[in-house]
Amino acid sequence: MAIAFLETLTVPEGPLAGQPLRLAEYQRQFVRGALGPDVMVGVLSIGRGNAKTALAAGLALGSVMGVWDDQPKREILLAARNRDQCRAAFQFVVGFVQGLPEDEQELFTIRHGSRLEVEYQANGGGLIRVIPADGKSILGGAPTLAIMDERAAWEREKGDTLENAILSGLGKRNGRALIISTSAADDTNTFSRWLDEPPPGSYVQEHRPSPGLPADDLESLLIANPGASEGIGATPEWLVAQARRAIARGGSALSSFRNLNRNERVSTEDRSVLITVDEWLAAEVSPGDLPARSGPCILGVDLGGSRSMSAAAFFWPETGRLEALGTFPAKPGLADRGAADGVSGRYVEMQDRGELSVLGENTVPPGPWLAEIVRQLDGADVACIVGDRFRHAEFSEAMVAAGLRVPFVWRGFGWKDGSEDVERFRRALFDGEVKTVPSLLLRSAFADAITLVDPAGNSKLAKARSLGRIDAAAASILAVAEGMRRKAAPTRKARVAWL
């Protein structure tokens, strides 16, 4: 019923203005799912320019006219980030009304000014209220439909306050909420939590490509922008051109393109990012082009705590070859752990690719794990092991249990050691001295890694999100930084004693 109504409307603006509205398949899918029985909240995440606001306005109009809800005195809330965004949504509603037959238009009263409202005077009557997400209380309202547009961009505290007020009012009249937005920059945003942890009675539709792909990859661009294939918004050619322009500019321009146009959870605060996705992708080579395991190997280790990942990185400074392995305990399983961490089936995929293993019951036993890691080297010469000095006792016990007799280099993850290691790692990466095969483990780890910067400009490694797993990134930084130190150290000449 809702789809049939929407396709009676006329496109109000743009190149197709005046033509009948035709829904794309992804729009039909969302309308069916979000308005289905027993659904209280419908959530849509999609790239910018895919007619999210227009779809929201059309649904608001159909609801106020009582097309699928004949309650008297219907109340529809259309909430947006600020007044400018509210006006854009309001203009879409007005545009749709102006495309209706004249006798139908006469049933509407449109109010501009301080209050943006559209009132309908037939079929029991109804009112659309357009409100900015400024945190003002709307307690006492009883909406039958609430649409939250660009939810990820709302100010955190004020936005959450408004959302809670809206949701509490929906229960009075068996109302429904639709939350529509481009992806947030991180997993802690309230919109991200709607996607990752939807409560019962939710319908979620997310158009987000796999992480770690080049910004101009057309196939993944079309995943985030399904409208491009159906004549909605930007064309595929424009998207690729914009992606390449963002790649050339780099920095915040590239981060913003990934966040807004590719619908990826990428922070636009580029000053705190350890490395960008594209900077890491420059280090990836095909298996045939991977340098040999030549010379001494530096083993970087991030020993996980209870129930967390342990990770190891192997780095050969002479050739620049980098490998990484991660290990989780068996409980909970990788699928359940991935769901809890908000990465879906990524851990299972890592295991299938040979990048992630399972060892131990509830924790990873350090001794057997370290012995297994060394076995992965197939007899390669280990120059040293690098690890966290605050885990000194655990490392010592693990090395004894594994029967290892190699030097251990103790490093801290604070401002002093951490800043040096981060900068040495970045320098080696940017100079092309690090090469690795495509690794989902490493891509995910570096995507979750940021740096905290003190007033003196020193950096230390940190997580971009509380559920992020940066263990493999930490191990890689330790191994590469130590390898660069040894590579830069002057060669000692033998001393000659004359008799």
Protein backbone atom coordinates (compact mmCIF):
# COMPACT_ATOMS: atom_id res chain seq x y z
CA MET A 1 0.00 0.00 0.00
CA ALA A 2 2.80 2.44 0.93
CA ILE A 3 4.78 1.59 -2.21
CA ALA A 4 1.70 2.06 -4.40
CA PHE A 5 1.04 5.47 -2.82
CA LEU A 6 4.63 6.66 -3.20
CA GLU A 7 4.56 5.84 -6.89
CA THR A 8 1.52 8.10 -7.37
CA LEU A 9 3.67 11.09 -6.38
CA THR A 10 5.58 13.38 -8.72
CA VAL A 11 9.30 14.07 -8.46
CA PRO A 12 9.42 17.63 -7.04
CA GLU A 13 12.94 18.71 -8.08
CA GLY A 14 16.10 17.70 -9.89
CA PRO A 15 16.66 16.42 -13.44
CA LEU A 16 13.51 14.22 -13.27
CA ALA A 17 11.24 16.95 -11.81
CA GLY A 18 7.63 16.56 -12.93
CA GLN A 19 7.95 12.88 -13.77
CA PRO A 20 6.16 10.10 -11.83
CA LEU A 21 8.12 8.83 -8.84
CA ARG A 22 9.54 5.34 -9.35
CA LEU A 23 11.06 3.59 -6.36
CA ALA A 24 14.35 1.77 -6.73
CA GLU A 25 14.56 -1.80 -5.48
CA TYR A 26 16.51 -0.86 -2.33
CA GLN A 27 13.78 1.68 -1.49
CA ARG A 28 11.05 -0.91 -1.99
CA GLN A 29 12.98 -3.32 0.21
CA PHE A 30 13.20 -0.78 3.03
CA VAL A 31 9.54 0.23 2.84
CA ARG A 32 8.43 -3.42 2.95
CA GLY A 33 10.70 -4.23 5.86
CA ALA A 34 10.25 -1.08 7.94
CA LEU A 35 6.45 -1.04 7.62
CA GLY A 36 6.08 -4.77 8.12
CA PRO A 37 4.05 -6.29 10.95
CA ASP A 38 5.61 -6.34 14.42
CA VAL A 39 8.27 -3.81 13.36
CA MET A 40 8.53 -0.81 15.67
CA VAL A 41 11.79 0.70 14.37
CA GLY A 42 13.13 0.64 10.80
CA VAL A 43 16.80 1.57 10.31
CA LEU A 44 18.40 2.45 6.95
CA SER A 45 22.10 3.22 6.42
CA ILE A 46 23.15 4.25 2.91
CA GLY A 47 25.58 6.61 1.18
CA ARG A 48 24.90 10.29 0.67
CA GLY A 49 22.77 11.25 -2.34
CA ASN A 50 20.58 8.13 -2.48
CA ALA A 51 17.27 9.98 -1.85
CA LYS A 52 17.04 9.22 1.88
CA THR A 53 15.37 12.54 2.72
CA ALA A 54 13.00 12.34 -0.24
CA LEU A 55 11.92 8.83 0.79
CA ALA A 56 11.38 10.03 4.37
CA ALA A 57 9.27 12.97 3.15
CA GLY A 58 7.13 10.69 0.96
CA LEU A 59 6.50 8.32 3.85
CA ALA A 60 5.60 11.25 6.12
CA LEU A 61 3.07 12.49 3.55
CA GLY A 62 1.48 9.07 3.11
CA SER A 63 1.21 8.64 6.86
CA VAL A 64 -0.42 12.04 7.47
CA MET A 65 -2.96 11.29 4.75
CA GLY A 66 -3.88 8.03 6.49
CA VAL A 67 -2.94 5.81 3.56
CA TRP A 68 -1.92 2.91 5.83
CA ASP A 69 -2.96 4.26 9.24
CA ASP A 70 -6.53 5.53 9.70
CA GLN A 71 -6.17 6.73 13.30
CA PRO A 72 -7.81 10.15 13.73
CA LYS A 73 -5.58 13.18 14.29
CA ARG A 74 -2.40 11.50 13.18
CA GLU A 75 0.86 13.17 14.26
CA ILE A 76 4.06 12.71 12.28
CA LEU A 77 7.43 13.98 13.52
CA LEU A 78 10.12 14.60 10.93
CA ALA A 79 13.32 15.31 12.89
CA ALA A 80 16.61 16.38 11.33
CA ARG A 81 20.03 17.54 12.50
CA ASN A 82 19.42 21.31 12.37
CA ARG A 83 16.98 23.82 10.94
CA ASP A 84 18.63 23.86 7.50
CA GLN A 85 18.27 20.08 7.21
CA CYS A 86 14.70 20.39 8.52
CA ARG A 87 13.90 22.90 5.80
CA ALA A 88 15.25 20.53 3.12
CA ALA A 89 12.98 17.75 4.40
CA PHE A 90 10.05 20.18 4.68
CA GLN A 91 10.54 21.35 1.09
CA PHE A 92 10.34 17.76 -0.14
CA VAL A 93 7.00 17.32 1.64
CA VAL A 94 5.70 20.59 0.19
CA GLY A 95 6.95 19.60 -3.26
CA PHE A 96 5.10 16.29 -3.10
CA VAL A 97 1.92 18.09 -1.98
CA GLN A 98 2.18 20.51 -4.91
CA GLY A 99 2.32 17.56 -7.28
CA LEU A 100 -1.05 16.20 -6.07
CA PRO A 101 -4.35 16.97 -7.87
CA GLU A 102 -5.67 20.46 -7.09
CA ASP A 103 -8.71 19.23 -5.17
CA GLU A 104 -6.37 17.17 -2.95
CA GLN A 105 -4.00 20.12 -2.44
CA GLU A 106 -6.89 22.16 -0.99
CA LEU A 107 -7.04 19.74 1.96
CA PHE A 108 -3.56 20.82 3.12
CA THR A 109 -2.51 23.81 5.19
CA ILE A 110 1.21 24.58 4.95
CA ARG A 111 2.81 26.73 7.64
CA HIS A 112 6.20 28.39 7.09
CA GLY A 113 8.07 30.61 9.53
CA SER A 114 9.18 29.65 13.01
CA ARG A 115 7.20 26.40 12.83
CA LEU A 116 7.38 24.16 9.78
CA GLU A 117 4.13 22.21 9.65
CA VAL A 118 1.87 20.53 7.10
CA GLU A 119 -1.71 19.89 8.23
CA TYR A 120 -4.14 17.54 6.47
CA GLN A 121 -7.87 18.06 6.99
CA ALA A 122 -9.44 14.86 5.65
CA ASN A 123 -9.63 11.20 6.68
CA GLY A 124 -9.53 12.03 10.39
CA GLY A 125 -6.92 14.77 9.99
CA GLY A 126 -3.20 14.78 10.63
CA LEU A 127 -0.18 17.00 11.21
CA ILE A 128 3.46 16.79 10.11
CA ARG A 129 5.82 18.63 12.45
CA VAL A 130 9.39 19.23 11.31
CA ILE A 131 11.74 19.69 14.27
CA PRO A 132 15.52 20.17 14.61
CA ALA A 133 17.49 17.87 16.90
CA ASP A 134 18.31 20.65 19.37
CA GLY A 135 17.39 18.67 22.47
CA LYS A 136 14.22 20.59 23.28
CA SER A 137 11.65 18.52 25.08
CA ILE A 138 8.69 17.20 23.11
CA LEU A 139 7.21 15.36 26.07
CA GLY A 140 3.44 15.23 25.84
CA GLY A 141 3.37 14.45 22.12
CA ALA A 142 1.85 11.24 20.80
CA PRO A 143 3.27 10.65 17.30
CA THR A 144 1.97 7.86 15.13
CA LEU A 145 5.13 8.01 13.01
CA ALA A 146 8.55 9.52 13.76
CA ILE A 147 11.25 9.84 11.12
CA MET A 148 14.79 10.68 12.24
CA ASP A 149 16.79 11.92 9.25
CA GLU A 150 20.63 11.81 9.21
CA ARG A 151 20.63 10.42 12.75
CA ALA A 152 24.39 9.80 12.77
CA ALA A 153 25.07 13.54 12.39
CA TRP A 154 23.00 14.64 15.40
CA GLU A 155 24.86 16.14 18.34
CA ARG A 156 25.45 13.29 20.75
CA GLU A 157 23.79 14.45 23.98
CA LYS A 158 21.03 16.60 22.51
CA GLY A 159 20.31 14.02 19.82
CA ASP A 160 20.01 11.20 22.32
CA THR A 161 17.71 13.32 24.45
CA LEU A 162 15.40 14.01 21.52
CA GLU A 163 15.46 10.39 20.37
CA ASN A 164 14.50 9.13 23.81
CA ALA A 165 11.65 11.64 24.01
CA ILE A 166 10.37 10.58 20.59
CA LEU A 167 10.55 6.87 21.32
CA SER A 168 8.77 7.28 24.64
CA GLY A 169 5.90 9.07 22.91
CA LEU A 170 5.45 6.44 20.19
CA GLY A 171 4.10 3.89 22.66
CA LYS A 172 1.00 5.96 23.36
CA ARG A 173 -0.54 5.27 19.94
CA ASN A 174 1.33 2.19 18.74
CA GLY A 175 3.60 4.45 16.68
CA ARG A 176 6.55 3.51 14.51
CA ALA A 177 10.02 5.06 14.10
CA LEU A 178 12.15 5.22 10.95
CA ILE A 179 15.84 6.07 11.46
CA ILE A 180 17.59 7.00 8.21
CA SER A 181 21.20 8.13 7.87
CA THR A 182 24.60 7.84 6.29
CA SER A 183 27.01 5.84 8.45
CA ALA A 184 28.48 7.34 11.60
CA ALA A 185 32.23 7.77 11.95
CA ASP A 186 32.60 5.18 14.71
CA ASP A 187 30.88 2.30 16.46
CA THR A 188 30.06 4.25 19.61
CA ASN A 189 27.60 6.55 17.84
CA THR A 190 23.97 5.85 18.75
CA PHE A 191 23.10 5.23 15.09
CA SER A 192 25.89 2.61 14.85
CA ARG A 193 24.46 0.86 17.88
CA TRP A 194 21.04 0.71 16.20
CA LEU A 195 22.73 -1.11 13.32
CA ASP A 196 24.96 -3.40 15.36
CA GLU A 197 22.68 -4.17 18.29
CA PRO A 198 19.09 -3.78 17.07
CA PRO A 199 16.52 -4.50 19.79
CA PRO A 200 13.59 -6.86 19.14
CA GLY A 201 11.05 -5.38 16.75
CA SER A 202 13.68 -3.68 14.57
CA TYR A 203 14.29 -3.90 10.84
CA VAL A 204 17.83 -3.02 9.74
CA GLN A 205 19.02 -2.39 6.18
CA GLU A 206 22.66 -1.36 5.81
CA HIS A 207 24.45 -0.64 2.54
CA ARG A 208 28.08 -0.74 3.68
CA PRO A 209 30.90 -2.39 1.67
CA SER A 210 33.63 -4.55 3.18
CA PRO A 211 36.38 -2.55 4.91
CA GLY A 212 39.84 -1.98 3.48
CA LEU A 213 38.93 -1.70 -0.22
CA PRO A 214 40.32 1.06 -2.49
CA ALA A 215 38.16 4.20 -2.43
CA ASP A 216 37.60 4.05 -6.21
CA ASP A 217 36.55 0.39 -6.32
CA LEU A 218 33.36 0.58 -8.39
CA GLU A 219 31.71 -2.61 -7.15
CA SER A 220 31.88 -1.53 -3.52
CA LEU A 221 30.87 2.04 -4.43
CA LEU A 222 27.66 0.64 -5.89
CA ILE A 223 27.01 -1.32 -2.68
CA ALA A 224 27.00 1.95 -0.74
CA ASN A 225 25.20 3.82 -3.53
CA PRO A 226 22.64 1.42 -5.04
CA GLY A 227 20.72 4.38 -6.47
CA ALA A 228 23.56 5.05 -8.92
CA SER A 229 22.60 1.95 -10.90
CA GLU A 230 18.93 3.00 -11.03
CA GLY A 231 19.24 6.64 -12.01
CA ILE A 232 19.06 8.09 -8.48
CA GLY A 233 21.68 10.56 -7.33
CA ALA A 234 25.23 10.47 -8.65
CA THR A 235 26.25 8.34 -11.61
CA PRO A 236 28.84 5.57 -11.24
CA GLU A 237 31.26 7.61 -13.35
CA TRP A 238 30.90 10.63 -11.05
CA LEU A 239 31.47 8.50 -7.96
CA VAL A 240 34.68 7.01 -9.37
CA ALA A 241 35.92 10.45 -10.43
CA GLN A 242 35.21 11.88 -6.97
CA ALA A 243 36.94 8.92 -5.34
CA ARG A 244 40.09 9.46 -7.38
CA ARG A 245 40.02 13.17 -6.60
CA ALA A 246 39.75 12.35 -2.89
CA ILE A 247 42.61 9.84 -3.16
CA ALA A 248 44.78 12.51 -4.79
CA ARG A 249 44.00 15.01 -2.04
CA GLY A 250 44.25 12.48 0.79
CA GLY A 251 43.80 13.44 4.45
CA SER A 252 40.39 14.58 5.59
CA ALA A 253 39.09 14.76 2.00
CA LEU A 254 39.62 11.03 1.57
CA SER A 255 38.28 10.23 5.04
CA SER A 256 35.14 12.27 4.38
CA PHE A 257 34.57 10.56 1.02
CA ARG A 258 34.83 7.14 2.63
CA ASN A 259 32.47 8.13 5.42
CA LEU A 260 29.83 9.98 3.37
CA ASN A 261 29.99 8.48 -0.12
CA ARG A 262 31.19 4.95 0.65
CA ASN A 263 29.14 4.78 3.87
CA GLU A 264 32.13 3.47 5.82
CA ARG A 265 32.76 4.04 9.52
CA VAL A 266 35.86 6.15 9.03
CA SER A 267 36.75 9.00 11.34
CA THR A 268 36.98 12.34 9.56
CA GLU A 269 39.42 13.53 12.25
CA ASP A 270 42.52 12.63 10.24
CA ARG A 271 44.98 14.09 12.75
CA SER A 272 44.31 11.23 15.19
CA VAL A 273 44.33 8.41 12.65
CA LEU A 274 47.37 6.13 12.87
CA ILE A 275 47.36 5.55 9.12
CA THR A 276 44.60 5.84 6.55
CA VAL A 277 43.17 2.80 4.80
CA ASP A 278 44.75 3.86 1.53
CA GLU A 279 48.18 4.34 3.11
CA TRP A 280 47.99 0.76 4.38
CA LEU A 281 46.76 -0.61 1.05
CA ALA A 282 49.91 0.78 -0.59
CA ALA A 283 51.92 -1.80 1.40
CA GLU A 284 49.89 -4.76 0.15
CA VAL A 285 51.31 -6.82 -2.72
CA SER A 286 50.29 -10.03 -4.45
CA PRO A 287 51.70 -13.29 -3.03
CA GLY A 288 54.02 -13.57 -6.04
CA ASP A 289 55.54 -10.15 -5.32
CA LEU A 290 55.99 -10.67 -1.58
CA PRO A 291 59.69 -10.44 -0.60
CA ALA A 292 61.45 -13.54 0.67
CA ARG A 293 62.00 -14.51 4.29
CA SER A 294 65.61 -13.43 4.16
CA GLY A 295 67.82 -12.43 7.07
CA PRO A 296 66.98 -12.27 10.77
CA CYS A 297 63.31 -11.99 11.79
CA ILE A 298 61.91 -9.60 14.37
CA LEU A 299 58.99 -11.10 16.27
CA GLY A 300 56.54 -8.52 17.66
CA VAL A 301 54.09 -9.87 20.22
CA ASP A 302 50.97 -8.39 21.79
CA LEU A 303 49.97 -10.84 24.50
CA GLY A 304 46.22 -10.72 25.05
CA GLY A 305 44.55 -10.76 28.44
CA SER A 306 41.66 -12.93 29.49
CA ARG A 307 39.17 -13.57 26.66
CA SER A 308 41.02 -11.21 24.29
CA MET A 309 43.15 -11.69 21.17
CA SER A 310 46.85 -12.45 21.23
CA ALA A 311 48.70 -11.36 18.09
CA ALA A 312 52.16 -11.83 16.62
CA ALA A 313 53.88 -10.05 13.73
CA PHE A 314 56.92 -11.34 11.83
CA PHE A 315 59.12 -8.71 10.15
CA TRP A 316 62.25 -9.23 8.07
CA PRO A 317 64.05 -5.84 7.93
CA GLU A 318 66.35 -6.88 5.06
CA THR A 319 63.46 -7.43 2.66
CA GLY A 320 60.56 -5.60 4.36
CA ARG A 321 58.35 -8.69 4.53
CA LEU A 322 55.61 -8.51 7.19
CA GLU A 323 53.29 -11.31 8.32
CA ALA A 324 50.76 -11.38 11.16
CA LEU A 325 48.72 -14.00 13.01
CA GLY A 326 46.03 -13.63 15.66
CA THR A 327 44.58 -16.11 18.16
CA PHE A 328 41.39 -16.15 20.22
CA PRO A 329 40.33 -18.61 22.94
CA ALA A 330 37.64 -21.09 21.95
CA LYS A 331 34.90 -19.59 24.14
CA PRO A 332 32.90 -17.79 22.93
CA GLY A 333 33.01 -19.03 19.34
CA LEU A 334 34.30 -16.80 16.55
CA ALA A 335 30.82 -16.19 15.13
CA ASP A 336 29.42 -15.13 18.53
CA ARG A 337 32.50 -13.05 19.26
CA GLY A 338 32.18 -11.29 15.90
CA ALA A 339 28.54 -10.46 16.60
CA ALA A 340 29.44 -9.08 20.04
CA ASP A 341 32.29 -6.98 18.60
CA GLY A 342 30.11 -5.55 15.86
CA VAL A 343 32.04 -7.10 12.95
CA SER A 344 29.55 -9.81 11.97
CA GLY A 345 31.32 -12.82 10.35
CA ARG A 346 34.73 -11.17 9.95
CA TYR A 347 36.51 -13.41 12.48
CA VAL A 348 35.22 -16.56 10.80
CA GLU A 349 36.45 -15.21 7.46
CA MET A 350 39.87 -14.48 8.98
CA GLN A 351 40.07 -18.07 10.20
CA ASP A 352 39.16 -19.37 6.74
CA ARG A 353 41.96 -17.24 5.28
CA GLY A 354 44.49 -18.68 7.76
CA GLU A 355 45.03 -15.35 9.57
CA LEU A 356 43.25 -16.21 12.81
CA SER A 357 43.40 -19.34 14.95
CA VAL A 358 41.78 -20.68 18.12
CA LEU A 359 43.75 -21.98 21.10
CA GLY A 360 42.78 -22.66 24.69
CA GLU A 361 39.38 -22.76 26.36
CA ASN A 362 38.57 -19.41 27.98
CA THR A 363 42.02 -17.81 27.61
CA VAL A 364 44.94 -18.21 25.22
CA PRO A 365 47.73 -20.05 27.13
CA PRO A 366 50.89 -17.92 26.62
CA GLY A 367 53.46 -20.75 26.56
CA PRO A 368 51.80 -23.11 24.04
CA TRP A 369 50.71 -20.11 21.97
CA LEU A 370 54.22 -18.66 21.73
CA ALA A 371 55.60 -22.10 20.83
CA GLU A 372 52.99 -22.41 18.06
CA ILE A 373 53.87 -18.94 16.77
CA VAL A 374 57.56 -19.86 16.52
CA ARG A 375 56.65 -23.07 14.66
CA GLN A 376 54.98 -20.89 12.02
CA LEU A 377 58.44 -19.51 11.17
CA ASP A 378 59.61 -22.89 9.82
CA GLY A 379 63.09 -22.54 11.28
CA ALA A 380 63.66 -18.90 10.36
CA ASP A 381 66.30 -17.10 12.43
CA VAL A 382 64.61 -15.04 15.18
CA ALA A 383 66.81 -12.09 16.10
CA CYS A 384 64.65 -11.02 19.04
CA ILE A 385 61.15 -10.82 20.46
CA VAL A 386 59.61 -7.40 21.15
CA GLY A 387 56.80 -7.00 23.68
CA ASP A 388 55.14 -4.90 26.36
CA ARG A 389 57.37 -4.35 29.41
CA PHE A 390 54.32 -4.31 31.70
CA ARG A 391 53.73 -7.99 30.82
CA HIS A 392 57.31 -8.91 31.75
CA ALA A 393 56.45 -11.76 34.10
CA GLU A 394 53.96 -13.37 31.69
CA PHE A 395 56.40 -13.15 28.78
CA SER A 396 59.22 -14.66 30.82
CA GLU A 397 57.04 -17.59 31.88
CA ALA A 398 55.77 -18.06 28.30
CA MET A 399 59.30 -18.13 26.88
CA VAL A 400 60.39 -20.73 29.42
CA ALA A 401 57.30 -22.84 28.66
CA ALA A 402 57.95 -22.55 24.91
CA GLY A 403 61.66 -23.34 25.31
CA LEU A 404 62.74 -20.09 23.64
CA ARG A 405 66.25 -18.73 24.17
CA VAL A 406 66.31 -15.48 22.22
CA PRO A 407 66.84 -11.86 23.33
CA PHE A 408 63.73 -9.97 24.46
CA VAL A 409 63.33 -6.24 23.84
CA TRP A 410 60.98 -4.57 26.32
CA ARG A 411 58.93 -1.65 24.99
CA GLY A 412 56.22 0.50 26.57
CA PHE A 413 52.97 1.60 24.95
CA GLY A 414 53.03 5.01 26.64
CA TRP A 415 54.15 8.39 25.29
CA LYS A 416 57.90 7.72 25.39
CA ASP A 417 58.38 4.37 23.65
CA GLY A 418 55.01 4.50 21.91
CA SER A 419 55.68 7.77 20.10
CA GLU A 420 59.03 6.56 18.78
CA ASP A 421 57.63 3.23 17.63
CA VAL A 422 54.62 4.83 15.93
CA GLU A 423 56.79 7.31 14.00
CA ARG A 424 59.34 4.66 12.97
CA PHE A 425 56.50 2.45 11.75
CA ARG A 426 54.87 5.29 9.79
CA ARG A 427 58.19 6.28 8.22
CA ALA A 428 58.92 2.72 7.13
CA LEU A 429 55.42 2.33 5.69
CA PHE A 430 55.51 5.63 3.79
CA ASP A 431 59.00 4.89 2.43
CA GLY A 432 57.80 1.57 1.00
CA GLU A 433 59.91 -0.54 3.37
CA VAL A 434 56.95 -2.69 4.53
CA LYS A 435 55.36 -5.26 2.24
CA THR A 436 52.62 -7.78 3.05
CA VAL A 437 49.98 -9.82 1.28
CA PRO A 438 46.35 -8.66 1.62
CA SER A 439 45.36 -9.50 5.19
CA LEU A 440 41.88 -8.97 6.60
CA LEU A 441 43.36 -9.27 10.10
CA LEU A 442 45.74 -6.36 9.51
CA ARG A 443 43.22 -4.28 7.57
CA SER A 444 40.73 -4.53 10.41
CA ALA A 445 43.34 -3.81 13.08
CA PHE A 446 44.68 -0.68 11.39
CA ALA A 447 41.15 0.52 10.61
CA ASP A 448 40.45 0.46 14.38
CA ALA A 449 43.79 2.04 15.38
CA ILE A 450 44.17 5.73 16.21
CA THR A 451 46.76 7.75 18.09
CA LEU A 452 46.34 9.95 21.13
CA VAL A 453 48.47 13.11 20.87
CA ASP A 454 49.79 15.01 23.89
CA PRO A 455 50.48 18.79 23.92
CA ALA A 456 54.10 18.15 22.88
CA GLY A 457 53.00 16.25 19.78
CA ASN A 458 53.89 12.77 21.03
CA SER A 459 51.64 9.94 19.88
CA LYS A 460 50.63 6.65 21.42
CA LEU A 461 48.47 3.87 20.04
CA ALA A 462 44.81 3.62 21.06
CA LYS A 463 41.53 2.11 19.88
CA ALA A 464 39.11 4.04 17.70
CA ARG A 465 36.21 2.14 19.32
CA SER A 466 35.81 0.25 22.53
CA LEU A 467 35.11 -3.06 20.75
CA GLY A 468 38.00 -2.66 18.28
CA ARG A 469 40.77 -5.25 18.06
CA ILE A 470 44.11 -3.55 17.37
CA ASP A 471 46.35 -6.33 18.71
CA ALA A 472 47.76 -7.21 15.27
CA ALA A 473 48.48 -3.53 14.59
CA ALA A 474 50.29 -3.18 17.93
CA ALA A 475 52.41 -6.27 17.24
CA SER A 476 53.25 -4.99 13.74
CA ILE A 477 54.30 -1.58 15.05
CA LEU A 478 56.61 -3.20 17.62
CA ALA A 479 58.21 -5.51 15.06
CA VAL A 480 58.67 -2.92 12.30
CA ALA A 481 59.98 -0.22 14.66
CA GLU A 482 62.59 -2.57 16.15
CA GLY A 483 63.55 -3.74 12.66
CA MET A 484 64.09 -0.14 11.55
CA ARG A 485 66.21 0.58 14.63
CA ARG A 486 68.45 -2.39 13.88
CA LYS A 487 68.63 -1.51 10.20
CA ALA A 488 69.69 2.05 10.99
CA ALA A 489 72.28 1.05 13.62
CA PRO A 490 75.88 1.39 12.38
CA THR A 491 77.76 -1.81 11.73
CA ARG A 492 80.40 -2.43 14.33
CA LYS A 493 83.85 -3.09 13.02
CA ALA A 494 86.01 -5.78 14.60
CA ARG A 495 88.67 -4.42 16.93
CA VAL A 496 92.26 -5.38 16.14
CA ALA A 497 94.71 -5.90 18.98
CA TRP A 498 98.41 -5.53 18.07
CA LEU A 499 100.83 -7.69 19.89
